[in-house]
Every structure is written in structure tokens, then in C-alpha cells.
Amino acid sequence: MANENATGRSELEDTLGTEWEGHRPAVFGVAYRLLGSVADAEDVTQDVWLRAAGTDLQDIDDLRAWLVTVAARRSYDILKSARFRRETYVGPWLPEPLLTGPDASEPVLVDESVGSAMLLIMEELSPLERVAFVLHDVFGLEFVRIAEVLDVSVPNARQLASRARRRVTNAKQSSPQASRAERERVLAAFRAAYEAGDLAGLVRLLHPDAVYVTDGGGKVAAMRKPVYGGERVAEVMVRVGRRWRPDRIDLVEVGGELALVCHREGRVYSVDTLQITDGLITAYRRVINPDKLSHV
């Protein structure tokens, strides 16, 4: 009997191992969308794997939904405590950049919900709203499961998702997403102007009300407050470009959209994501916190 139990358990582990690689992107994806942190999402993914390996999965009819639910529950716990960490964070907080191109180290279900602009929109939601929105609108989970994760009634879970959806839709409508071709054109022009220290060229590419945000996390020199105004942003970027001249700037897909990655002295110095509307840069977000760049 003991041998039969051991054999059965071994078969279950083999089955989980076989299916895990197929479901892992969803597990990582829900955690990253909820937390905006690659490191935290990797920790959640490992926790889910350990939980699954120690669970009898015979009675689970939808393994993907179960794994995503476990990941969401763990992420929700972290998300609630993350609010305090955000308040004590030095300077502006930006999502940890996630490579999503063909050479990405972490495959993930790629759509606009992993872009920096969307993650910042979701950052404005309450933890309850964010979980309900991601689980239902991105991963298609039923409200019964969402209610269990959030410990609320099914009608309340539905209401949370609806409220979050309205807020996200309104925010997206105020900043429509540029096409890939337009983004590539603007980024290439910006890279050329930035490398040349061309102040006038940068001003032409920046919206008059553009904002420049840098996330250094208190680990490196960075502006503690956003810079507003196209001309002012261009002046600051020319000054920064002269002081911290990159060895090269690559166009790389980050969070499902083209971004700029600056290299200095053999390492990644910054990952820059841009918000573009009508051919002009409305927001330039630069992550230089080394803790957020170690995986890039």
C-alpha cells in the first residue's frame, strides 16, 4: 500500500511538473500585474509552486484557474503591505521593468496590462479593485473565485471589478496608446537627439506639458520630484545626458511596448518607458534604481 501511495504521489508530481511550465507565465503574470515588481512576482511564483507540490491536485478540475487564484491571494497579501512601502519609498516609484520581447528571460502573457502606463493607472486603484480587475478582465476568472480571494460577496466582487474598469477606461481615454510604428519612429528620433545633445530636437518631440519622472529609490542620484514642461524636461535631459553619457542606447520591448535601455560601463544604467500621444512624448519615465535593473 505504501508503495502504491508513493507511486501515485510521484505520478501527480510528474503531472504537475509537465503542466507547470505551461501555466507558469499566467502565475507570474498575475503576480506582476498586481505588484509591479519582477522580484516579488518571482517570489510569489515560487510560493505557488511549493503550494502546488504539497497539494493533492486530483480533485482540481481547472489547474490554471487554481494556480492563478493561489498567486492572486498571495499577491493580495503583499499588495496590502506594499502600500506602506510606497509611502516610505525615496522619490517617485515606478514599476520594475519587465522584458517582454523574443529574448525575454521571463515569458509572460503580454498585453497592455503589463505596460508601465497601465501599471501606474492600476496603482491608483485600491488593492481590492486591482485584484478584482486583473483576475476578471485580464485572466477571465469567475467572480465566485475572486470573491474567495478577497473575502467578499460575489456581488461586491462584481462591483469592485466594475468600478475599477470605469477608472481604468477613463484614464486610458485621456492618454490614448500610440501605434507600434509611431512609437518606433518617435523613440528613434528621441534617441538620436538625446545622443547628440540636441536641445531643439528634444523640445520638438516633447509635448509642452510633458512630465519627466525618475526612480532612483534612494540608491543612486535621481530627481526626487517630477519635472514638468517640455522645454524644462529637454533642458534637464540634455544636462543629464552630458553628465551620464551612455555608451549605447538600445530599443527593447519592455512591458509589451518599445522602450529605451541605456548602457554605461558595461551595465544597464536605465530603462526608459515613454508615453506618446499624437506623435509627442507626454511622459518620460526612467528607472535607474539598480535593485530594479539587476534582472534586465
Protein backbone atom coordinates (compact mmCIF):
# COMPACT_ATOMS: atom_id res chain seq x y z
CA MET A 1 0.00 0.00 0.00
CA ALA A 2 2.84 2.40 0.87
CA ASN A 3 4.47 1.76 -2.49
CA GLU A 4 1.17 2.39 -4.27
CA ASN A 5 0.73 5.71 -2.44
CA ALA A 6 4.29 6.72 -3.27
CA THR A 7 3.79 5.78 -6.89
CA GLY A 8 0.55 7.78 -7.06
CA ARG A 9 2.22 10.79 -5.48
CA SER A 10 5.13 10.53 -7.91
CA GLU A 11 2.73 10.47 -10.85
CA LEU A 12 0.97 13.59 -9.52
CA GLU A 13 4.30 15.40 -9.17
CA ASP A 14 5.25 14.37 -12.71
CA THR A 15 1.91 15.67 -13.97
CA LEU A 16 2.37 18.98 -12.16
CA GLY A 17 5.91 19.31 -13.49
CA THR A 18 4.68 18.69 -17.02
CA GLU A 19 1.87 21.22 -16.80
CA TRP A 20 3.71 23.77 -14.67
CA GLU A 21 5.76 25.27 -17.49
CA GLY A 22 2.56 25.87 -19.43
CA HIS A 23 0.87 27.61 -16.50
CA ARG A 24 3.90 29.40 -15.04
CA PRO A 25 3.56 32.50 -17.28
CA ALA A 26 0.00 33.02 -16.00
CA VAL A 27 1.12 32.62 -12.39
CA PHE A 28 3.98 35.07 -12.87
CA GLY A 29 1.78 37.33 -14.98
CA VAL A 30 -0.96 37.80 -12.41
CA ALA A 31 1.60 38.49 -9.66
CA TYR A 32 3.49 41.04 -11.77
CA ARG A 33 0.33 42.86 -12.81
CA LEU A 34 -0.77 43.09 -9.19
CA LEU A 35 2.59 44.06 -7.70
CA GLY A 36 4.55 45.83 -10.45
CA SER A 37 7.69 44.06 -9.23
CA VAL A 38 9.60 41.31 -11.01
CA ALA A 39 11.33 40.23 -7.80
CA ASP A 40 8.06 39.98 -5.85
CA ALA A 41 6.36 38.18 -8.74
CA GLU A 42 9.17 35.63 -8.86
CA ASP A 43 8.81 35.06 -5.09
CA VAL A 44 5.06 34.56 -5.48
CA THR A 45 5.63 32.14 -8.36
CA GLN A 46 7.98 30.07 -6.21
CA ASP A 47 5.44 30.09 -3.34
CA VAL A 48 2.72 28.86 -5.68
CA TRP A 49 4.93 26.06 -6.97
CA LEU A 50 5.67 24.89 -3.42
CA ARG A 51 1.98 25.10 -2.52
CA ALA A 52 1.01 23.08 -5.59
CA ALA A 53 3.71 20.47 -4.98
CA GLY A 54 2.35 19.90 -1.47
CA THR A 55 -1.31 19.70 -2.52
CA ASP A 56 -3.39 16.78 -3.73
CA LEU A 57 -4.38 18.03 -7.16
CA GLN A 58 -6.62 15.12 -8.12
CA ASP A 59 -9.83 16.98 -7.30
CA ILE A 60 -8.82 20.22 -9.05
CA ASP A 61 -10.63 20.35 -12.37
CA ASP A 62 -9.06 23.62 -13.63
CA LEU A 63 -5.40 23.72 -12.64
CA ARG A 64 -4.67 27.05 -14.33
CA ALA A 65 -7.51 28.81 -12.51
CA TRP A 66 -6.44 27.25 -9.21
CA LEU A 67 -2.81 28.32 -9.65
CA VAL A 68 -3.80 31.85 -10.66
CA THR A 69 -6.13 32.06 -7.65
CA VAL A 70 -3.36 30.98 -5.26
CA ALA A 71 -0.98 33.52 -6.84
CA ALA A 72 -3.60 36.26 -6.55
CA ARG A 73 -4.28 35.50 -2.89
CA ARG A 74 -0.56 35.67 -2.05
CA SER A 75 -0.12 38.82 -4.15
CA TYR A 76 -3.09 40.45 -2.45
CA ASP A 77 -1.44 39.97 0.94
CA ILE A 78 1.77 41.57 -0.37
CA LEU A 79 -0.15 44.34 -2.12
CA LYS A 80 -1.77 45.47 1.12
CA SER A 81 1.58 45.81 2.86
CA ALA A 82 3.14 47.38 -0.25
CA ARG A 83 1.05 50.50 0.29
CA PHE A 84 3.17 51.30 3.35
CA ARG A 85 6.40 50.62 1.44
CA ARG A 86 5.30 53.02 -1.30
CA GLU A 87 4.73 55.77 1.27
CA THR A 88 8.27 55.39 2.62
CA TYR A 89 9.89 54.99 -0.83
CA VAL A 90 12.52 57.63 -1.61
CA GLY A 91 11.35 59.71 -4.58
CA PRO A 92 8.83 58.64 -7.24
CA TRP A 93 8.00 54.93 -7.52
CA LEU A 94 7.85 53.31 -10.96
CA PRO A 95 7.07 49.68 -11.85
CA GLU A 96 10.02 47.35 -12.16
CA PRO A 97 10.70 46.94 -15.91
CA LEU A 98 9.86 43.56 -17.41
CA LEU A 99 11.47 42.42 -20.66
CA THR A 100 8.77 41.01 -22.93
CA GLY A 101 10.47 40.73 -26.32
CA PRO A 102 11.58 37.50 -28.03
CA ASP A 103 14.70 37.36 -25.86
CA ALA A 104 12.84 37.95 -22.59
CA SER A 105 14.12 35.93 -19.66
CA GLU A 106 10.60 35.64 -18.26
CA PRO A 107 7.83 34.69 -20.69
CA VAL A 108 4.58 36.36 -19.71
CA LEU A 109 1.15 36.80 -21.21
CA VAL A 110 1.84 40.08 -22.95
CA ASP A 111 -0.80 42.77 -23.35
CA GLU A 112 -1.19 46.41 -22.41
CA SER A 113 -1.79 45.49 -18.75
CA VAL A 114 1.95 44.95 -18.23
CA GLY A 115 2.92 48.33 -19.70
CA SER A 116 4.22 50.98 -17.31
CA ALA A 117 1.35 53.35 -18.10
CA MET A 118 -1.28 50.73 -17.23
CA LEU A 119 0.55 49.58 -14.11
CA LEU A 120 0.63 53.18 -12.89
CA ILE A 121 -3.08 53.52 -13.59
CA MET A 122 -3.74 50.35 -11.59
CA GLU A 123 -1.51 51.71 -8.82
CA GLU A 124 -4.24 54.29 -8.22
CA LEU A 125 -6.82 51.57 -7.56
CA SER A 126 -7.41 50.11 -4.13
CA PRO A 127 -5.92 46.64 -3.58
CA LEU A 128 -9.43 45.17 -3.72
CA GLU A 129 -10.22 46.89 -7.03
CA ARG A 130 -6.89 45.97 -8.56
CA VAL A 131 -7.23 42.28 -7.77
CA ALA A 132 -10.83 42.13 -8.98
CA PHE A 133 -9.95 43.93 -12.22
CA VAL A 134 -6.87 41.84 -13.05
CA LEU A 135 -8.48 38.50 -12.23
CA HIS A 136 -11.68 39.17 -14.14
CA ASP A 137 -10.76 41.48 -17.02
CA VAL A 138 -7.29 40.11 -17.76
CA PHE A 139 -7.47 36.46 -16.69
CA GLY A 140 -11.20 35.82 -17.05
CA LEU A 141 -11.76 34.28 -13.63
CA GLU A 142 -15.30 33.88 -12.37
CA PHE A 143 -16.49 36.22 -9.64
CA VAL A 144 -17.02 33.27 -7.31
CA ARG A 145 -13.25 32.69 -7.24
CA ILE A 146 -12.50 36.40 -6.99
CA ALA A 147 -14.86 36.74 -4.03
CA GLU A 148 -12.99 33.91 -2.26
CA VAL A 149 -9.63 35.61 -2.81
CA LEU A 150 -10.88 38.96 -1.49
CA ASP A 151 -13.16 37.52 1.20
CA VAL A 152 -16.14 39.50 -0.09
CA SER A 153 -19.54 38.57 -1.50
CA VAL A 154 -19.91 37.78 -5.20
CA PRO A 155 -21.95 40.99 -5.83
CA ASN A 156 -19.23 43.00 -4.10
CA ALA A 157 -16.53 41.37 -6.21
CA ARG A 158 -18.50 42.21 -9.34
CA GLN A 159 -18.93 45.80 -8.17
CA LEU A 160 -15.21 46.16 -7.42
CA ALA A 161 -14.28 44.99 -10.91
CA SER A 162 -16.85 47.30 -12.49
CA ARG A 163 -15.63 50.32 -10.54
CA ALA A 164 -12.01 49.56 -11.39
CA ARG A 165 -12.90 49.09 -15.06
CA ARG A 166 -14.52 52.52 -15.24
CA ARG A 167 -11.49 54.19 -13.65
CA VAL A 168 -9.07 52.37 -15.94
CA THR A 169 -11.14 53.18 -19.04
CA ASN A 170 -11.33 56.86 -18.15
CA ALA A 171 -7.58 57.03 -17.57
CA LYS A 172 -6.83 55.26 -20.86
CA GLN A 173 -9.13 57.57 -22.82
CA SER A 174 -7.26 60.61 -21.53
CA SER A 175 -3.95 59.13 -22.79
CA PRO A 176 -4.55 57.02 -25.93
CA GLN A 177 -1.84 54.50 -26.80
CA ALA A 178 0.43 55.14 -29.79
CA SER A 179 0.81 52.52 -32.51
CA ARG A 180 3.98 50.46 -32.61
CA ALA A 181 5.11 52.22 -35.81
CA GLU A 182 4.60 55.66 -34.30
CA ARG A 183 6.34 54.62 -31.09
CA GLU A 184 9.32 53.26 -33.01
CA ARG A 185 9.60 56.48 -35.05
CA VAL A 186 9.43 58.76 -32.00
CA LEU A 187 11.85 56.66 -29.95
CA ALA A 188 14.39 56.53 -32.78
CA ALA A 189 14.18 60.31 -33.22
CA PHE A 190 14.44 60.88 -29.48
CA ARG A 191 17.46 58.57 -29.17
CA ALA A 192 19.26 60.46 -31.96
CA ALA A 193 18.51 63.86 -30.38
CA TYR A 194 19.45 62.67 -26.90
CA GLU A 195 22.77 61.17 -28.03
CA ALA A 196 23.57 64.39 -29.92
CA GLY A 197 22.56 66.65 -27.03
CA ASP A 198 20.18 68.37 -29.45
CA LEU A 199 18.05 70.58 -27.21
CA ALA A 200 15.84 71.91 -30.01
CA GLY A 201 15.31 68.39 -31.35
CA LEU A 202 14.20 67.15 -27.95
CA VAL A 203 11.83 70.09 -27.48
CA ARG A 204 10.16 69.29 -30.82
CA LEU A 205 9.49 65.72 -29.66
CA LEU A 206 8.15 66.63 -26.23
CA HIS A 207 4.61 67.76 -25.53
CA PRO A 208 4.51 71.25 -23.96
CA ASP A 209 3.02 69.67 -20.81
CA ALA A 210 5.34 66.64 -20.77
CA VAL A 211 6.47 65.15 -17.45
CA TYR A 212 9.82 63.52 -16.66
CA VAL A 213 9.92 61.03 -13.76
CA THR A 214 12.99 59.24 -12.42
CA ASP A 215 13.00 56.33 -9.98
CA GLY A 216 16.28 56.01 -8.12
CA GLY A 217 14.81 54.59 -4.92
CA GLY A 218 17.39 56.47 -2.85
CA LYS A 219 20.09 54.12 -4.19
CA VAL A 220 21.53 56.48 -6.82
CA ALA A 221 21.32 60.20 -7.59
CA ALA A 222 17.89 60.96 -9.03
CA MET A 223 15.35 63.74 -9.00
CA ARG A 224 13.05 63.42 -6.02
CA LYS A 225 10.18 65.16 -7.81
CA PRO A 226 8.81 65.01 -11.38
CA VAL A 227 9.86 67.71 -13.85
CA TYR A 228 7.03 69.36 -15.81
CA GLY A 229 7.02 71.20 -19.15
CA GLY A 230 8.55 70.16 -22.48
CA GLU A 231 11.30 72.77 -22.56
CA ARG A 232 12.25 72.20 -18.93
CA VAL A 233 12.32 68.41 -19.46
CA ALA A 234 14.52 68.80 -22.55
CA GLU A 235 16.96 71.03 -20.64
CA VAL A 236 17.20 68.53 -17.79
CA MET A 237 17.72 65.61 -20.16
CA VAL A 238 20.48 67.37 -22.08
CA ARG A 239 22.22 68.12 -18.78
CA VAL A 240 21.81 64.53 -17.58
CA GLY A 241 22.96 63.20 -20.95
CA ARG A 242 26.18 65.20 -20.75
CA ARG A 243 26.93 64.12 -17.20
CA TRP A 244 25.93 60.46 -17.61
CA ARG A 245 26.61 59.89 -21.29
CA PRO A 246 25.51 56.36 -22.21
CA ASP A 247 27.81 54.03 -24.15
CA ARG A 248 24.81 52.95 -26.19
CA ILE A 249 21.02 53.13 -26.19
CA ASP A 250 19.00 50.12 -27.34
CA LEU A 251 15.38 49.87 -28.41
CA VAL A 252 13.98 46.96 -26.38
CA GLU A 253 10.47 45.69 -25.72
CA VAL A 254 9.57 46.32 -22.09
CA GLY A 255 6.11 45.64 -20.69
CA GLY A 256 4.77 44.86 -24.16
CA GLU A 257 5.94 48.12 -25.75
CA LEU A 258 9.14 49.56 -27.16
CA ALA A 259 11.36 51.32 -24.64
CA LEU A 260 14.91 52.63 -24.38
CA VAL A 261 17.65 50.86 -22.43
CA CYS A 262 20.77 52.91 -21.68
CA HIS A 263 24.11 51.19 -21.05
CA ARG A 264 27.10 52.65 -19.24
CA GLU A 265 30.39 51.00 -18.30
CA GLY A 266 29.20 47.52 -19.25
CA ARG A 267 25.89 47.54 -17.38
CA VAL A 268 22.34 48.74 -17.76
CA TYR A 269 22.13 52.31 -16.44
CA SER A 270 18.43 52.95 -17.04
CA VAL A 271 15.26 51.60 -18.59
CA ASP A 272 13.11 54.38 -20.04
CA THR A 273 9.45 53.98 -20.95
CA LEU A 274 7.64 56.68 -22.85
CA GLN A 275 4.02 57.67 -23.17
CA ILE A 276 3.31 59.02 -26.66
CA THR A 277 0.17 60.80 -27.88
CA ASP A 278 -0.26 62.30 -31.36
CA GLY A 279 3.43 61.91 -32.10
CA LEU A 280 4.62 63.75 -28.98
CA ILE A 281 6.07 62.43 -25.74
CA THR A 282 3.71 63.24 -22.89
CA ALA A 283 5.51 61.27 -20.17
CA TYR A 284 9.11 60.07 -19.91
CA ARG A 285 9.68 57.57 -17.09
CA ARG A 286 13.23 56.50 -16.23
CA VAL A 287 14.09 53.66 -13.82
CA ILE A 288 17.66 53.90 -12.53
CA ASN A 289 17.22 52.12 -9.19
CA PRO A 290 19.84 49.35 -9.52
CA ASP A 291 17.67 46.96 -7.49
CA LYS A 292 15.07 47.15 -10.27
CA LEU A 293 17.59 46.63 -13.07
CA SER A 294 19.52 43.59 -11.89
CA HIS A 295 17.38 41.20 -13.97
CA VAL A 296 17.48 43.28 -17.18
